[in-house]
Amino acid sequence: MEMNPVKAKKATNVRAAGSEEQIKLIPPRIMSLEEMIAYMRSDELVELTPKSIRLRKAILDQGERRRLKRESKNARNS
């Protein structure tokens, strides 16, 4: 599931029951380099900078990732 917790909620004049509930996000998991390498999947990379260690997708574009996944699935079925 693709999501971006940074994007703001759209402001509208329509109100729905229960829409005012707070969504609580789980705090980020702090891991060492070894833990990240063990945790990552085959389609992810570990970015290592002097100030941080990040886990990210190898292909950043969501549409491109879907296309490659679909192509690899079709290649396995053929």
PDB file of N, CA and C in Angstrom:
ATOM      1  N   MET A   1       0.840  -1.165   0.000  1.00  0.00           N
ATOM      2  CA  MET A   1       0.000   0.000   0.000  1.00  0.00           C
ATOM      3  C   MET A   1       0.891   1.236   0.000  1.00  0.00           C
ATOM      4  N   GLU A   2       0.625   2.121  -0.921  1.00  0.00           N
ATOM      5  CA  GLU A   2       1.374   3.366  -1.021  1.00  0.00           C
ATOM      6  C   GLU A   2       0.685   4.436  -0.187  1.00  0.00           C
ATOM      7  N   MET A   3       1.468   5.141   0.613  1.00  0.00           N
ATOM      8  CA  MET A   3       0.890   6.245   1.369  1.00  0.00           C
ATOM      9  C   MET A   3       1.970   7.257   1.684  1.00  0.00           C
ATOM     10  N   ASN A   4       1.528   8.480   1.950  1.00  0.00           N
ATOM     11  CA  ASN A   4       2.439   9.549   2.293  1.00  0.00           C
ATOM     12  C   ASN A   4       1.885  10.268   3.516  1.00  0.00           C
ATOM     13  N   PRO A   5       2.394   9.995   4.708  1.00  0.00           N
ATOM     14  CA  PRO A   5       1.855  10.624   5.917  1.00  0.00           C
ATOM     15  C   PRO A   5       2.145  12.115   5.999  1.00  0.00           C
ATOM     16  N   VAL A   6       2.941  12.667   5.103  1.00  0.00           N
ATOM     17  CA  VAL A   6       3.292  14.077   5.137  1.00  0.00           C
ATOM     18  C   VAL A   6       2.223  14.934   4.457  1.00  0.00           C
ATOM     19  N   LYS A   7       1.469  14.363   3.505  1.00  0.00           N
ATOM     20  CA  LYS A   7       0.470  15.135   2.771  1.00  0.00           C
ATOM     21  C   LYS A   7      -0.637  15.603   3.704  1.00  0.00           C
ATOM     22  N   ALA A   8      -1.069  16.841   3.503  1.00  0.00           N
ATOM     23  CA  ALA A   8      -2.117  17.424   4.333  1.00  0.00           C
ATOM     24  C   ALA A   8      -3.493  16.929   3.901  1.00  0.00           C
ATOM     25  N   LYS A   9      -4.416  16.913   4.848  1.00  0.00           N
ATOM     26  CA  LYS A   9      -5.783  16.524   4.566  1.00  0.00           C
ATOM     27  C   LYS A   9      -6.463  17.655   3.804  1.00  0.00           C
ATOM     28  N   LYS A  10      -7.289  17.323   2.817  1.00  0.00           N
ATOM     29  CA  LYS A  10      -8.006  18.321   2.036  1.00  0.00           C
ATOM     30  C   LYS A  10      -9.062  18.991   2.911  1.00  0.00           C
ATOM     31  N   ALA A  11      -9.136  20.305   2.849  1.00  0.00           N
ATOM     32  CA  ALA A  11     -10.120  21.061   3.613  1.00  0.00           C
ATOM     33  C   ALA A  11     -11.389  21.225   2.789  1.00  0.00           C
ATOM     34  N   THR A  12     -12.515  20.712   3.298  1.00  0.00           N
ATOM     35  CA  THR A  12     -13.802  20.850   2.627  1.00  0.00           C
ATOM     36  C   THR A  12     -14.819  21.319   3.646  1.00  0.00           C
ATOM     37  N   ASN A  13     -15.966  21.762   3.176  1.00  0.00           N
ATOM     38  CA  ASN A  13     -17.037  22.195   4.066  1.00  0.00           C
ATOM     39  C   ASN A  13     -17.924  21.038   4.492  1.00  0.00           C
ATOM     40  N   VAL A  14     -17.780  19.890   3.873  1.00  0.00           N
ATOM     41  CA  VAL A  14     -18.599  18.724   4.190  1.00  0.00           C
ATOM     42  C   VAL A  14     -17.980  17.993   5.372  1.00  0.00           C
ATOM     43  N   ARG A  15     -18.809  17.692   6.359  1.00  0.00           N
ATOM     44  CA  ARG A  15     -18.329  16.963   7.532  1.00  0.00           C
ATOM     45  C   ARG A  15     -19.032  15.615   7.608  1.00  0.00           C
ATOM     46  N   ALA A  16     -18.295  14.621   7.986  1.00  0.00           N
ATOM     47  CA  ALA A  16     -18.855  13.287   8.143  1.00  0.00           C
ATOM     48  C   ALA A  16     -18.688  12.856   9.595  1.00  0.00           C
ATOM     49  N   ALA A  17     -19.581  12.016  10.056  1.00  0.00           N
ATOM     50  CA  ALA A  17     -19.506  11.532  11.435  1.00  0.00           C
ATOM     51  C   ALA A  17     -18.251  10.683  11.609  1.00  0.00           C
ATOM     52  N   GLY A  18     -17.499  10.964  12.639  1.00  0.00           N
ATOM     53  CA  GLY A  18     -16.297  10.182  12.940  1.00  0.00           C
ATOM     54  C   GLY A  18     -15.070  10.606  12.174  1.00  0.00           C
ATOM     55  N   SER A  19     -15.182  11.629  11.329  1.00  0.00           N
ATOM     56  CA  SER A  19     -14.030  12.032  10.528  1.00  0.00           C
ATOM     57  C   SER A  19     -13.028  12.864  11.319  1.00  0.00           C
ATOM     58  N   GLU A  20     -13.415  13.319  12.495  1.00  0.00           N
ATOM     59  CA  GLU A  20     -12.545  14.157  13.315  1.00  0.00           C
ATOM     60  C   GLU A  20     -11.609  13.346  14.210  1.00  0.00           C
ATOM     61  N   GLU A  21     -11.616  12.036  14.088  1.00  0.00           N
ATOM     62  CA  GLU A  21     -10.768  11.184  14.920  1.00  0.00           C
ATOM     63  C   GLU A  21      -9.304  11.384  14.564  1.00  0.00           C
ATOM     64  N   GLN A  22      -8.461  11.349  15.556  1.00  0.00           N
ATOM     65  CA  GLN A  22      -7.031  11.489  15.345  1.00  0.00           C
ATOM     66  C   GLN A  22      -6.459  10.157  14.856  1.00  0.00           C
ATOM     67  N   ILE A  23      -5.614  10.222  13.855  1.00  0.00           N
ATOM     68  CA  ILE A  23      -4.914   9.041  13.364  1.00  0.00           C
ATOM     69  C   ILE A  23      -3.543   9.043  14.019  1.00  0.00           C
ATOM     70  N   LYS A  24      -3.227   7.981  14.726  1.00  0.00           N
ATOM     71  CA  LYS A  24      -1.948   7.899  15.418  1.00  0.00           C
ATOM     72  C   LYS A  24      -0.977   7.063  14.597  1.00  0.00           C
ATOM     73  N   LEU A  25       0.169   7.647  14.297  1.00  0.00           N
ATOM     74  CA  LEU A  25       1.202   6.949  13.542  1.00  0.00           C
ATOM     75  C   LEU A  25       2.192   6.310  14.497  1.00  0.00           C
ATOM     76  N   ILE A  26       2.675   5.156  14.120  1.00  0.00           N
ATOM     77  CA  ILE A  26       3.689   4.463  14.906  1.00  0.00           C
ATOM     78  C   ILE A  26       5.009   5.196  14.728  1.00  0.00           C
ATOM     79  N   PRO A  27       5.742   5.460  15.798  1.00  0.00           N
ATOM     80  CA  PRO A  27       7.030   6.150  15.641  1.00  0.00           C
ATOM     81  C   PRO A  27       8.003   5.303  14.817  1.00  0.00           C
ATOM     82  N   PRO A  28       8.928   5.950  14.108  1.00  0.00           N
ATOM     83  CA  PRO A  28       9.872   5.185  13.273  1.00  0.00           C
ATOM     84  C   PRO A  28      10.756   4.269  14.111  1.00  0.00           C
ATOM     85  N   ARG A  29      11.099   3.154  13.529  1.00  0.00           N
ATOM     86  CA  ARG A  29      11.963   2.176  14.185  1.00  0.00           C
ATOM     87  C   ARG A  29      13.415   2.576  13.939  1.00  0.00           C
ATOM     88  N   ILE A  30      14.182   2.765  14.972  1.00  0.00           N
ATOM     89  CA  ILE A  30      15.599   3.112  14.851  1.00  0.00           C
ATOM     90  C   ILE A  30      16.399   1.807  14.767  1.00  0.00           C
ATOM     91  N   MET A  31      17.128   1.640  13.663  1.00  0.00           N
ATOM     92  CA  MET A  31      17.892   0.400  13.441  1.00  0.00           C
ATOM     93  C   MET A  31      19.337   0.719  13.101  1.00  0.00           C
ATOM     94  N   SER A  32      20.190  -0.233  13.358  1.00  0.00           N
ATOM     95  CA  SER A  32      21.596  -0.114  12.964  1.00  0.00           C
ATOM     96  C   SER A  32      21.720  -0.539  11.502  1.00  0.00           C
ATOM     97  N   LEU A  33      22.891  -0.347  10.930  1.00  0.00           N
ATOM     98  CA  LEU A  33      23.123  -0.728   9.537  1.00  0.00           C
ATOM     99  C   LEU A  33      22.901  -2.231   9.336  1.00  0.00           C
ATOM    100  N   GLU A  34      23.393  -3.049  10.242  1.00  0.00           N
ATOM    101  CA  GLU A  34      23.231  -4.503  10.128  1.00  0.00           C
ATOM    102  C   GLU A  34      21.766  -4.907  10.195  1.00  0.00           C
ATOM    103  N   GLU A  35      20.988  -4.268  11.078  1.00  0.00           N
ATOM    104  CA  GLU A  35      19.568  -4.575  11.191  1.00  0.00           C
ATOM    105  C   GLU A  35      18.823  -4.179   9.914  1.00  0.00           C
ATOM    106  N   MET A  36      19.179  -3.032   9.332  1.00  0.00           N
ATOM    107  CA  MET A  36      18.536  -2.604   8.096  1.00  0.00           C
ATOM    108  C   MET A  36      18.829  -3.556   6.953  1.00  0.00           C
ATOM    109  N   ILE A  37      20.048  -4.002   6.845  1.00  0.00           N
ATOM    110  CA  ILE A  37      20.415  -4.932   5.767  1.00  0.00           C
ATOM    111  C   ILE A  37      19.640  -6.236   5.919  1.00  0.00           C
ATOM    112  N   ALA A  38      19.472  -6.712   7.150  1.00  0.00           N
ATOM    113  CA  ALA A  38      18.710  -7.929   7.385  1.00  0.00           C
ATOM    114  C   ALA A  38      17.220  -7.715   7.137  1.00  0.00           C
ATOM    115  N   TYR A  39      16.713  -6.516   7.359  1.00  0.00           N
ATOM    116  CA  TYR A  39      15.292  -6.187   7.257  1.00  0.00           C
ATOM    117  C   TYR A  39      14.839  -5.889   5.827  1.00  0.00           C
ATOM    118  N   MET A  40      15.750  -5.400   4.975  1.00  0.00           N
ATOM    119  CA  MET A  40      15.363  -4.930   3.651  1.00  0.00           C
ATOM    120  C   MET A  40      14.964  -6.063   2.720  1.00  0.00           C
ATOM    121  N   ARG A  41      14.114  -5.708   1.734  1.00  0.00           N
ATOM    122  CA  ARG A  41      13.663  -6.661   0.712  1.00  0.00           C
ATOM    123  C   ARG A  41      14.531  -6.524  -0.528  1.00  0.00           C
ATOM    124  N   SER A  42      14.294  -7.359  -1.516  1.00  0.00           N
ATOM    125  CA  SER A  42      15.121  -7.344  -2.722  1.00  0.00           C
ATOM    126  C   SER A  42      14.918  -6.092  -3.569  1.00  0.00           C
ATOM    127  N   ASP A  43      13.783  -5.401  -3.418  1.00  0.00           N
ATOM    128  CA  ASP A  43      13.527  -4.193  -4.209  1.00  0.00           C
ATOM    129  C   ASP A  43      13.849  -2.911  -3.445  1.00  0.00           C
ATOM    130  N   GLU A  44      14.599  -3.003  -2.355  1.00  0.00           N
ATOM    131  CA  GLU A  44      14.934  -1.839  -1.539  1.00  0.00           C
ATOM    132  C   GLU A  44      16.443  -1.638  -1.449  1.00  0.00           C
ATOM    133  N   LEU A  45      16.822  -0.420  -1.105  1.00  0.00           N
ATOM    134  CA  LEU A  45      18.226  -0.061  -0.915  1.00  0.00           C
ATOM    135  C   LEU A  45      18.404   0.564   0.462  1.00  0.00           C
ATOM    136  N   VAL A  46      19.616   0.519   0.978  1.00  0.00           N
ATOM    137  CA  VAL A  46      19.949   1.206   2.223  1.00  0.00           C
ATOM    138  C   VAL A  46      20.806   2.402   1.851  1.00  0.00           C
ATOM    139  N   GLU A  47      20.340   3.606   2.215  1.00  0.00           N
ATOM    140  CA  GLU A  47      21.113   4.831   1.993  1.00  0.00           C
ATOM    141  C   GLU A  47      21.872   5.132   3.268  1.00  0.00           C
ATOM    142  N   LEU A  48      23.154   5.309   3.149  1.00  0.00           N
ATOM    143  CA  LEU A  48      24.002   5.580   4.299  1.00  0.00           C
ATOM    144  C   LEU A  48      24.653   6.937   4.117  1.00  0.00           C
ATOM    145  N   THR A  49      24.348   7.876   5.002  1.00  0.00           N
ATOM    146  CA  THR A  49      24.935   9.210   4.988  1.00  0.00           C
ATOM    147  C   THR A  49      25.621   9.427   6.331  1.00  0.00           C
ATOM    148  N   PRO A  50      26.431  10.456   6.474  1.00  0.00           N
ATOM    149  CA  PRO A  50      27.086  10.692   7.762  1.00  0.00           C
ATOM    150  C   PRO A  50      26.111  10.907   8.920  1.00  0.00           C
ATOM    151  N   LYS A  51      24.910  11.433   8.627  1.00  0.00           N
ATOM    152  CA  LYS A  51      23.962  11.726   9.701  1.00  0.00           C
ATOM    153  C   LYS A  51      22.839  10.715   9.859  1.00  0.00           C
ATOM    154  N   SER A  52      22.585   9.886   8.848  1.00  0.00           N
ATOM    155  CA  SER A  52      21.450   8.965   8.960  1.00  0.00           C
ATOM    156  C   SER A  52      21.639   7.719   8.104  1.00  0.00           C
ATOM    157  N   ILE A  53      20.811   6.720   8.418  1.00  0.00           N
ATOM    158  CA  ILE A  53      20.713   5.484   7.639  1.00  0.00           C
ATOM    159  C   ILE A  53      19.252   5.363   7.245  1.00  0.00           C
ATOM    160  N   ARG A  54      18.972   5.257   5.934  1.00  0.00           N
ATOM    161  CA  ARG A  54      17.602   5.206   5.450  1.00  0.00           C
ATOM    162  C   ARG A  54      17.371   3.964   4.605  1.00  0.00           C
ATOM    163  N   LEU A  55      16.164   3.456   4.694  1.00  0.00           N
ATOM    164  CA  LEU A  55      15.724   2.352   3.853  1.00  0.00           C
ATOM    165  C   LEU A  55      14.759   2.935   2.828  1.00  0.00           C
ATOM    166  N   ARG A  56      15.007   2.693   1.530  1.00  0.00           N
ATOM    167  CA  ARG A  56      14.133   3.226   0.491  1.00  0.00           C
ATOM    168  C   ARG A  56      14.014   2.238  -0.646  1.00  0.00           C
ATOM    169  N   LYS A  57      13.009   2.459  -1.493  1.00  0.00           N
ATOM    170  CA  LYS A  57      12.809   1.613  -2.661  1.00  0.00           C
ATOM    171  C   LYS A  57      13.893   1.892  -3.696  1.00  0.00           C
ATOM    172  N   ALA A  58      14.313   0.870  -4.423  1.00  0.00           N
ATOM    173  CA  ALA A  58      15.333   1.038  -5.459  1.00  0.00           C
ATOM    174  C   ALA A  58      14.782   1.868  -6.608  1.00  0.00           C
ATOM    175  N   ILE A  59      13.530   1.640  -6.978  1.00  0.00           N
ATOM    176  CA  ILE A  59      12.862   2.419  -8.025  1.00  0.00           C
ATOM    177  C   ILE A  59      11.847   3.306  -7.315  1.00  0.00           C
ATOM    178  N   LEU A  60      12.065   4.613  -7.363  1.00  0.00           N
ATOM    179  CA  LEU A  60      11.243   5.531  -6.586  1.00  0.00           C
ATOM    180  C   LEU A  60       9.867   5.766  -7.189  1.00  0.00           C
ATOM    181  N   ASP A  61       9.715   5.704  -8.508  1.00  0.00           N
ATOM    182  CA  ASP A  61       8.439   5.967  -9.155  1.00  0.00           C
ATOM    183  C   ASP A  61       7.482   4.796  -8.955  1.00  0.00           C
ATOM    184  N   GLN A  62       6.316   5.068  -8.357  1.00  0.00           N
ATOM    185  CA  GLN A  62       5.349   4.027  -8.055  1.00  0.00           C
ATOM    186  C   GLN A  62       4.837   3.335  -9.319  1.00  0.00           C
ATOM    187  N   GLY A  63       4.574   4.084 -10.373  1.00  0.00           N
ATOM    188  CA  GLY A  63       4.096   3.505 -11.626  1.00  0.00           C
ATOM    189  C   GLY A  63       5.122   2.579 -12.261  1.00  0.00           C
ATOM    190  N   GLU A  64       6.387   2.976 -12.204  1.00  0.00           N
ATOM    191  CA  GLU A  64       7.465   2.144 -12.752  1.00  0.00           C
ATOM    192  C   GLU A  64       7.590   0.839 -11.955  1.00  0.00           C
ATOM    193  N   ARG A  65       7.463   0.907 -10.627  1.00  0.00           N
ATOM    194  CA  ARG A  65       7.521  -0.309  -9.799  1.00  0.00           C
ATOM    195  C   ARG A  65       6.392  -1.269 -10.157  1.00  0.00           C
ATOM    196  N   ARG A  66       5.179  -0.734 -10.348  1.00  0.00           N
ATOM    197  CA  ARG A  66       4.037  -1.583 -10.730  1.00  0.00           C
ATOM    198  C   ARG A  66       4.273  -2.243 -12.080  1.00  0.00           C
ATOM    199  N   ARG A  67       4.796  -1.475 -13.046  1.00  0.00           N
ATOM    200  CA  ARG A  67       5.039  -2.007 -14.388  1.00  0.00           C
ATOM    201  C   ARG A  67       6.058  -3.136 -14.338  1.00  0.00           C
ATOM    202  N   LEU A  68       7.161  -2.938 -13.601  1.00  0.00           N
ATOM    203  CA  LEU A  68       8.188  -3.979 -13.505  1.00  0.00           C
ATOM    204  C   LEU A  68       7.666  -5.220 -12.787  1.00  0.00           C
ATOM    205  N   LYS A  69       6.844  -5.025 -11.754  1.00  0.00           N
ATOM    206  CA  LYS A  69       6.264  -6.162 -11.034  1.00  0.00           C
ATOM    207  C   LYS A  69       5.361  -6.966 -11.959  1.00  0.00           C
ATOM    208  N   ARG A  70       4.541  -6.259 -12.747  1.00  0.00           N
ATOM    209  CA  ARG A  70       3.637  -6.917 -13.688  1.00  0.00           C
ATOM    210  C   ARG A  70       4.417  -7.667 -14.759  1.00  0.00           C
ATOM    211  N   GLU A  71       5.491  -7.056 -15.274  1.00  0.00           N
ATOM    212  CA  GLU A  71       6.311  -7.708 -16.300  1.00  0.00           C
ATOM    213  C   GLU A  71       7.008  -8.951 -15.759  1.00  0.00           C
ATOM    214  N   SER A  72       7.509  -8.882 -14.529  1.00  0.00           N
ATOM    215  CA  SER A  72       8.189 -10.056 -13.961  1.00  0.00           C
ATOM    216  C   SER A  72       7.198 -11.175 -13.683  1.00  0.00           C
ATOM    217  N   LYS A  73       5.967 -10.815 -13.302  1.00  0.00           N
ATOM    218  CA  LYS A  73       4.933 -11.816 -13.069  1.00  0.00           C
ATOM    219  C   LYS A  73       4.566 -12.513 -14.381  1.00  0.00           C
ATOM    220  N   ASN A  74       4.435 -11.744 -15.461  1.00  0.00           N
ATOM    221  CA  ASN A  74       4.112 -12.308 -16.774  1.00  0.00           C
ATOM    222  C   ASN A  74       5.258 -13.176 -17.290  1.00  0.00           C
ATOM    223  N   ALA A  75       6.491 -12.803 -17.032  1.00  0.00           N
ATOM    224  CA  ALA A  75       7.653 -13.589 -17.484  1.00  0.00           C
ATOM    225  C   ALA A  75       7.691 -14.935 -16.767  1.00  0.00           C
ATOM    226  N   ARG A  76       7.319 -14.961 -15.488  1.00  0.00           N
ATOM    227  CA  ARG A  76       7.315 -16.229 -14.743  1.00  0.00           C
ATOM    228  C   ARG A  76       6.211 -17.153 -15.220  1.00  0.00           C
ATOM    229  N   ASN A  77       5.073 -16.595 -15.623  1.00  0.00           N
ATOM    230  CA  ASN A  77       3.950 -17.401 -16.084  1.00  0.00           C
ATOM    231  C   ASN A  77       4.118 -17.920 -17.492  1.00  0.00           C
ATOM    232  N   SER A  78       4.996 -17.312 -18.278  1.00  0.00           N
ATOM    233  CA  SER A  78       5.209 -17.723 -19.688  1.00  0.00           C
ATOM    234  C   SER A  78       6.135 -18.879 -19.798  1.00  0.00           C
TER     235      SER A  78
END
